Amino acid sequence: MNEHDDTVNRATRLWTLLDDAQALLQGTCERTEAAQVPDLSACAAALTCGEEPEIQTGISQLDMESLRAAVHSCTRCGLSRTRRNPVPGAGAARPQVMIIGEAPGAQEDESGIPFVGRSGSYLDRWMHAIGFTREQDLYMTNIVKCRPPENRDPSADEQAACLPYLLRQIELLQPKMLLCLGLVASQILLDTTDSLGRLREQTHSFHGIPLVVTYHPSAVLRYPEKFRAPVWEDLKRLRSCVNELNDED
């Protein structure tokens, strides 16, 4: 096979992966048990040369420790060449809420820890206000595990490369609720172009898990008079939903 044919074949496999990811995000594969989550890792692995053996076995087979190792050694997309530290996520082993942002920022890239710095401290204050702590109740992560240069939005191939990691995290952690921060993360997970204002109007479902959308802490810090009150309404709804789910258990 010549270089041109190889490039064409790799591009074809990439578009196949993106089609599979889109179908998954549209909710056509709602999860009721682990086996129902499609394994996108096999298709993704074909796109990247020189991967670690544990990645080649399939992300859907990894436990949390192996998944973290896979993220740290990941070369699925170009962000692996510009990151300082990947940011797999951190928090409780059985969280009440899994918080999902768009991508790590500069301070996260420096530390390898999600949601640090001023925005992270502000997010902690939100969670404390409704009775949650990082260590006991929350797991924090992002759709994309490495920082895009200049904090740009993650590209389609970067999203597709990281989505299998996120899906496996959700499967392993089994959170009661998902909280999606910001427009980009919300649109990616819900496969929509709706505005954040519209997405906030209802509680969504992602693979059978209730999902609430709200503004990113960094946006609220910039425009507190505009966004602080809406965020508080979202957080109260989140807390109420978690209470109802716990009562059912």
Foldseek 3Di string as FASTA:
>chain_A
DDPVVVVVVLVVLLVVLLVVLLCQLQVPQQDPALVSRDFSQCSLVVNDPPADPVSNVTLSPDAPVVLLVRQQRDDSDPLVVVAQGWALKDAELAAQEEEEEAEDDDVCSVVSYPQDDPLSVVVQVLQVVLPDHRHHHYIYDYLARGADPPNDGDDSSSSSNRNSSVVSSCNRRVHQEYEYEADRRVCSNNVDPDDLVVQQPDFDANSNHTYHYAYRSVVCVVPVVPGVVVVNVSSVVSSVSSVVVVVVD
